[in-house]
Amino acid sequence: MRYKSAMAGIAKYKSRPASPMNQWVRDALEAANMTQQALADALSRVEGLGTYDRSMVHKMTGSRRVRGEEAVAISQITGHPLPESEDDLEFEQMYRKLSQENRTVIRTIVRNLLGGQKDRGQ
């Protein structure tokens, strides 16, 4: 049996994802340590989705719109949780671009807001 590196077949991306959902697909693949081909094969076995190949999954990590039923199937296959909404993904993507100092500021603001909600009984 030939040795296969843990990173063999794992995609390296040259461009940024077009949407937070495209980033979510990348994150799901990485979390599951799954190749695009393996995900394509698994999606092809899901009844009602049709046939997938590696290039279709690659497009989902870049610019192609990910349909709701595809996202549910990807979540089930990879074990990666579905995002709550596109807004949540967009916020997460912006947050990742912040410096560590600015992330600390954002966490402090959110904690203060949550504390104020408790005080008002919300």
C-alpha atoms as a PDB file:
ATOM      1  CA  MET A   1       0.000   0.000   0.000  1.00  0.00           C
ATOM      2  CA  ARG A   2       1.351   3.373  -0.976  1.00  0.00           C
ATOM      3  CA  TYR A   3       1.759   6.101   1.656  1.00  0.00           C
ATOM      4  CA  LYS A   4      -0.662   8.981   1.230  1.00  0.00           C
ATOM      5  CA  SER A   5      -0.078  12.275   2.989  1.00  0.00           C
ATOM      6  CA  ALA A   6      -2.899  13.602   5.149  1.00  0.00           C
ATOM      7  CA  MET A   7      -2.889  16.735   2.998  1.00  0.00           C
ATOM      8  CA  ALA A   8      -2.889  14.910  -0.354  1.00  0.00           C
ATOM      9  CA  GLY A   9      -5.874  16.011  -2.364  1.00  0.00           C
ATOM     10  CA  ILE A  10      -6.791  18.864  -0.016  1.00  0.00           C
ATOM     11  CA  ALA A  11      -7.542  21.926  -2.099  1.00  0.00           C
ATOM     12  CA  LYS A  12      -5.462  25.065  -2.020  1.00  0.00           C
ATOM     13  CA  TYR A  13      -7.444  28.101  -3.080  1.00  0.00           C
ATOM     14  CA  LYS A  14      -6.054  30.885  -5.242  1.00  0.00           C
ATOM     15  CA  SER A  15      -9.021  33.221  -4.938  1.00  0.00           C
ATOM     16  CA  ARG A  16     -11.304  34.465  -2.198  1.00  0.00           C
ATOM     17  CA  PRO A  17     -14.772  32.961  -1.900  1.00  0.00           C
ATOM     18  CA  ALA A  18     -17.514  35.079  -3.479  1.00  0.00           C
ATOM     19  CA  SER A  19     -19.870  34.709  -0.521  1.00  0.00           C
ATOM     20  CA  PRO A  20     -19.840  33.621   3.107  1.00  0.00           C
ATOM     21  CA  MET A  21     -21.611  30.426   2.038  1.00  0.00           C
ATOM     22  CA  ASN A  22     -18.742  29.583  -0.315  1.00  0.00           C
ATOM     23  CA  GLN A  23     -16.375  30.037   2.654  1.00  0.00           C
ATOM     24  CA  TRP A  24     -18.633  27.769   4.714  1.00  0.00           C
ATOM     25  CA  VAL A  25     -18.197  24.981   2.136  1.00  0.00           C
ATOM     26  CA  ARG A  26     -14.413  25.421   2.393  1.00  0.00           C
ATOM     27  CA  ASP A  27     -14.653  25.299   6.183  1.00  0.00           C
ATOM     28  CA  ALA A  28     -16.821  22.163   6.047  1.00  0.00           C
ATOM     29  CA  LEU A  29     -14.312  20.378   3.803  1.00  0.00           C
ATOM     30  CA  GLU A  30     -11.426  21.380   6.054  1.00  0.00           C
ATOM     31  CA  ALA A  31     -13.247  20.414   9.262  1.00  0.00           C
ATOM     32  CA  ALA A  32     -13.969  16.966   7.838  1.00  0.00           C
ATOM     33  CA  ASN A  33     -10.483  16.657   6.314  1.00  0.00           C
ATOM     34  CA  MET A  34     -12.308  15.773   3.110  1.00  0.00           C
ATOM     35  CA  THR A  35     -11.288  16.270  -0.505  1.00  0.00           C
ATOM     36  CA  GLN A  36     -13.543  17.925  -3.041  1.00  0.00           C
ATOM     37  CA  GLN A  37     -13.762  14.593  -4.886  1.00  0.00           C
ATOM     38  CA  ALA A  38     -14.837  12.756  -1.733  1.00  0.00           C
ATOM     39  CA  LEU A  39     -17.549  15.354  -1.111  1.00  0.00           C
ATOM     40  CA  ALA A  40     -18.673  15.123  -4.742  1.00  0.00           C
ATOM     41  CA  ASP A  41     -18.960  11.342  -4.421  1.00  0.00           C
ATOM     42  CA  ALA A  42     -20.931  11.647  -1.172  1.00  0.00           C
ATOM     43  CA  LEU A  43     -23.273  14.296  -2.608  1.00  0.00           C
ATOM     44  CA  SER A  44     -23.916  12.067  -5.645  1.00  0.00           C
ATOM     45  CA  ARG A  45     -25.188   9.356  -3.279  1.00  0.00           C
ATOM     46  CA  VAL A  46     -27.774  11.717  -1.722  1.00  0.00           C
ATOM     47  CA  GLU A  47     -31.158  10.979  -3.226  1.00  0.00           C
ATOM     48  CA  GLY A  48     -32.603  13.864  -5.219  1.00  0.00           C
ATOM     49  CA  LEU A  49     -29.439  15.940  -5.576  1.00  0.00           C
ATOM     50  CA  GLY A  50     -28.138  14.529  -8.826  1.00  0.00           C
ATOM     51  CA  THR A  51     -24.594  13.714  -9.873  1.00  0.00           C
ATOM     52  CA  TYR A  52     -21.603  15.762  -8.722  1.00  0.00           C
ATOM     53  CA  ASP A  53     -17.971  15.835  -9.748  1.00  0.00           C
ATOM     54  CA  ARG A  54     -14.971  17.531  -8.195  1.00  0.00           C
ATOM     55  CA  SER A  55     -15.279  20.614 -10.397  1.00  0.00           C
ATOM     56  CA  MET A  56     -18.851  21.232  -9.187  1.00  0.00           C
ATOM     57  CA  VAL A  57     -17.715  21.146  -5.568  1.00  0.00           C
ATOM     58  CA  HIS A  58     -14.756  23.370  -6.454  1.00  0.00           C
ATOM     59  CA  LYS A  59     -17.185  25.941  -7.884  1.00  0.00           C
ATOM     60  CA  MET A  60     -19.180  25.807  -4.619  1.00  0.00           C
ATOM     61  CA  THR A  61     -16.023  26.881  -2.782  1.00  0.00           C
ATOM     62  CA  GLY A  62     -15.533  29.845  -5.100  1.00  0.00           C
ATOM     63  CA  SER A  63     -18.452  31.592  -6.721  1.00  0.00           C
ATOM     64  CA  ARG A  64     -21.327  29.199  -7.344  1.00  0.00           C
ATOM     65  CA  ARG A  65     -24.460  29.669  -5.255  1.00  0.00           C
ATOM     66  CA  VAL A  66     -24.900  26.806  -2.778  1.00  0.00           C
ATOM     67  CA  ARG A  67     -28.523  25.640  -2.732  1.00  0.00           C
ATOM     68  CA  GLY A  68     -30.214  25.024   0.600  1.00  0.00           C
ATOM     69  CA  GLU A  69     -30.572  21.287   0.064  1.00  0.00           C
ATOM     70  CA  GLU A  70     -26.890  21.078  -0.867  1.00  0.00           C
ATOM     71  CA  ALA A  71     -25.893  22.915   2.318  1.00  0.00           C
ATOM     72  CA  VAL A  72     -27.985  20.534   4.425  1.00  0.00           C
ATOM     73  CA  ALA A  73     -26.404  17.522   2.709  1.00  0.00           C
ATOM     74  CA  ILE A  74     -22.877  18.951   3.093  1.00  0.00           C
ATOM     75  CA  SER A  75     -23.533  19.551   6.790  1.00  0.00           C
ATOM     76  CA  GLN A  76     -24.767  15.982   7.257  1.00  0.00           C
ATOM     77  CA  ILE A  77     -21.845  14.522   5.300  1.00  0.00           C
ATOM     78  CA  THR A  78     -19.087  16.564   6.926  1.00  0.00           C
ATOM     79  CA  GLY A  79     -20.586  17.056  10.379  1.00  0.00           C
ATOM     80  CA  HIS A  80     -19.944  20.795  10.019  1.00  0.00           C
ATOM     81  CA  PRO A  81     -22.873  22.782  11.460  1.00  0.00           C
ATOM     82  CA  LEU A  82     -24.991  24.885   9.158  1.00  0.00           C
ATOM     83  CA  PRO A  83     -24.640  28.614   9.588  1.00  0.00           C
ATOM     84  CA  GLU A  84     -27.571  30.422  11.120  1.00  0.00           C
ATOM     85  CA  SER A  85     -27.810  32.926   8.283  1.00  0.00           C
ATOM     86  CA  GLU A  86     -25.868  34.649   5.517  1.00  0.00           C
ATOM     87  CA  ASP A  87     -25.544  37.683   7.827  1.00  0.00           C
ATOM     88  CA  ASP A  88     -23.825  35.529  10.456  1.00  0.00           C
ATOM     89  CA  LEU A  89     -21.369  34.244   7.874  1.00  0.00           C
ATOM     90  CA  GLU A  90     -20.683  37.726   6.559  1.00  0.00           C
ATOM     91  CA  PHE A  91     -20.018  38.986  10.104  1.00  0.00           C
ATOM     92  CA  GLU A  92     -17.697  36.050  10.802  1.00  0.00           C
ATOM     93  CA  GLN A  93     -15.783  36.747   7.603  1.00  0.00           C
ATOM     94  CA  MET A  94     -15.357  40.423   8.533  1.00  0.00           C
ATOM     95  CA  TYR A  95     -14.362  39.493  12.103  1.00  0.00           C
ATOM     96  CA  ARG A  96     -11.606  37.190  10.810  1.00  0.00           C
ATOM     97  CA  LYS A  97     -10.043  40.120   8.959  1.00  0.00           C
ATOM     98  CA  LEU A  98      -9.710  42.207  12.145  1.00  0.00           C
ATOM     99  CA  SER A  99      -6.500  42.511  14.120  1.00  0.00           C
ATOM    100  CA  GLN A 100      -6.370  40.732  17.485  1.00  0.00           C
ATOM    101  CA  GLU A 101      -6.686  44.112  19.223  1.00  0.00           C
ATOM    102  CA  ASN A 102      -9.860  44.979  17.304  1.00  0.00           C
ATOM    103  CA  ARG A 103     -11.297  41.502  17.962  1.00  0.00           C
ATOM    104  CA  THR A 104     -10.873  42.187  21.671  1.00  0.00           C
ATOM    105  CA  VAL A 105     -12.747  45.484  21.269  1.00  0.00           C
ATOM    106  CA  ILE A 106     -15.615  43.726  19.460  1.00  0.00           C
ATOM    107  CA  ARG A 107     -15.859  41.015  22.148  1.00  0.00           C
ATOM    108  CA  THR A 108     -15.991  43.703  24.847  1.00  0.00           C
ATOM    109  CA  ILE A 109     -18.744  45.592  23.017  1.00  0.00           C
ATOM    110  CA  VAL A 110     -20.805  42.415  22.531  1.00  0.00           C
ATOM    111  CA  ARG A 111     -20.433  41.452  26.201  1.00  0.00           C
ATOM    112  CA  ASN A 112     -21.576  44.933  27.236  1.00  0.00           C
ATOM    113  CA  LEU A 113     -24.567  44.762  24.899  1.00  0.00           C
ATOM    114  CA  LEU A 114     -25.553  41.340  26.214  1.00  0.00           C
ATOM    115  CA  GLY A 115     -25.223  42.599  29.801  1.00  0.00           C
ATOM    116  CA  GLY A 116     -27.495  45.536  28.990  1.00  0.00           C
ATOM    117  CA  GLN A 117     -30.118  43.171  27.575  1.00  0.00           C
ATOM    118  CA  LYS A 118     -30.116  41.165  30.794  1.00  0.00           C
ATOM    119  CA  ASP A 119     -30.556  44.348  32.819  1.00  0.00           C
ATOM    120  CA  ARG A 120     -33.606  45.279  30.718  1.00  0.00           C
ATOM    121  CA  GLY A 121     -35.030  41.737  30.902  1.00  0.00           C
ATOM    122  CA  GLN A 122     -34.589  41.013  27.190  1.00  0.00           C
END
